[in-house]
Amino acid sequence: MIQKIINRFKKEKSFRAEINHHIKKNKGKQIQFYHFWEQPFDEMFWNRFFLERPYLLKNKPNFKIGFFSVFGDRSVIQKVNTDINIFYTAENVKNRFNYADHFLNEKKIALAMGFEYFEHEKYIRFPNWMDVFFLKTEEIKKVCKKLRYPDINNKDRFATCIASHDNNGLRNQIVNALNEISIVSCPGRFQHNDDSLKNNFNDNKLEYLKQFHFNICPENSNCMGYVTEKLFHAISAGCIPIYWGSYNRPELDVLNQDAIIFWEKDGDNTDALNLIQELNNYPKLMQEFLTQPRLITSAEEYILDSFSDVEKKIRILCNR
C-alpha cells in the first residue's frame, strides 16, 4: 500500500514537472507544441504553416493554438490554456494505445490529423510525408515537378540503409539479402559500416542519398496509410526505393507503384532480388527504371487539395 502511494506521488511529481516544462517552452507563443518530437520551434511544420498564412491569425495577437502529439501523457491537454487544440500524429497510433482514438472523444480537441483512412467530422487525413513539401502553392508545384523526375545523375554506389535500429528484423533481412549482390552502405547505428554521411556530407541525408541507386527504406510497422517521409526522401534523391509498409500500396493517389521495389516481410522475395540483381548488372535497364515518373499525373492535385482542406478547416476553427 505504501509503495503504491509512493509510486503515485512520483508519477504526479513527474507529470507536474512535464507540464511546467511545456508551459515554460511555449510561453508567449501563439502556436504551441505539446508532446512533439525534438525540433527547433522555427523548423516545426505547423509553425511554418501559419507563417506562410498570416491571414489565418490576422488581428488575433492573443489567440493561441495548441498542437498535441503522442510523446507524453495525454492528460496534459487538461492543463493547457489555449483557444483551439489540434491533435497531430506522425506515428502509427495503433501501436500507441493511449492515442489510438486520435483524441476524437476529447472535447478540448477541435481537429485531429493523421495518416489513417476514415471519416469523422473532426478528422482530416494529413500524413507526415506532406512535410517534405514547401507550403506555398507555387512551391508545392515545384516540389512535385522535381519529385516526378528527380535528378538521377552522379550515382556510383549500390545501395544504402540509413537507420538507427531494426525493431522488427526487417532491415537486417533486406540488407543481408542485398549484400549478396553488392555492398550495402549503412551510415547509421544499424549495421554501421560507412562514416561518409557524417564526414563528407555533414549529416545531410538527401545529399548522401544522391550517390546511390537503391535506398532500403521500409517503415517501422505495417498499417494502411502509414507512409512516412522515408519513401519520399528516397524518391527526392533519385533512388529506387526498396520498401515495405502500408500493405505495399503506399499513397496510390500520389506515387507510381511501378517505380518502387516492394519487399515482402518474411515472404518470398526472389523476384525483387532478381530485379535488383538485373538492374545492378545492366546500366541501360537501370537507367530505364530510374527515369520512370515517380508521381502519377494526379499527384499534384491531390497534394494541393490536401493542403487546401486543412487550411479551410483551420480557418473555420480560428474564426468560430
Foldseek 3Di string as FASTA:
>chain_A
DVVVVVVVVVVVVVVVVLLVVQCVVCPQHQEGEEQDDDDPPVLDLVVLLCVVVVVLCPPPSPAHEYEYEDRDDPCSLVVDDHLAYEYEYQDDCVVVVVCNVQCPPPPRHQAGEEQDDDDDPRYAYDHALLSVFRNDLVRLVVLLVCLQFPDQPQADDEEEEEDADQVPCPVVVVQVLCVVQPHYAYCYNPVHDDVCCCVVVVVPVLVVLLRYQEYEFEDNDADARSDHNSVVSNSNSLHAYAYDYNNLCYPVQWFDSQLHHYDDVVDDCPVSSVVSNVCVVDVVVSVVSSRGGGTDPRNSVVSVVSSVVVVVSSSVSSVD
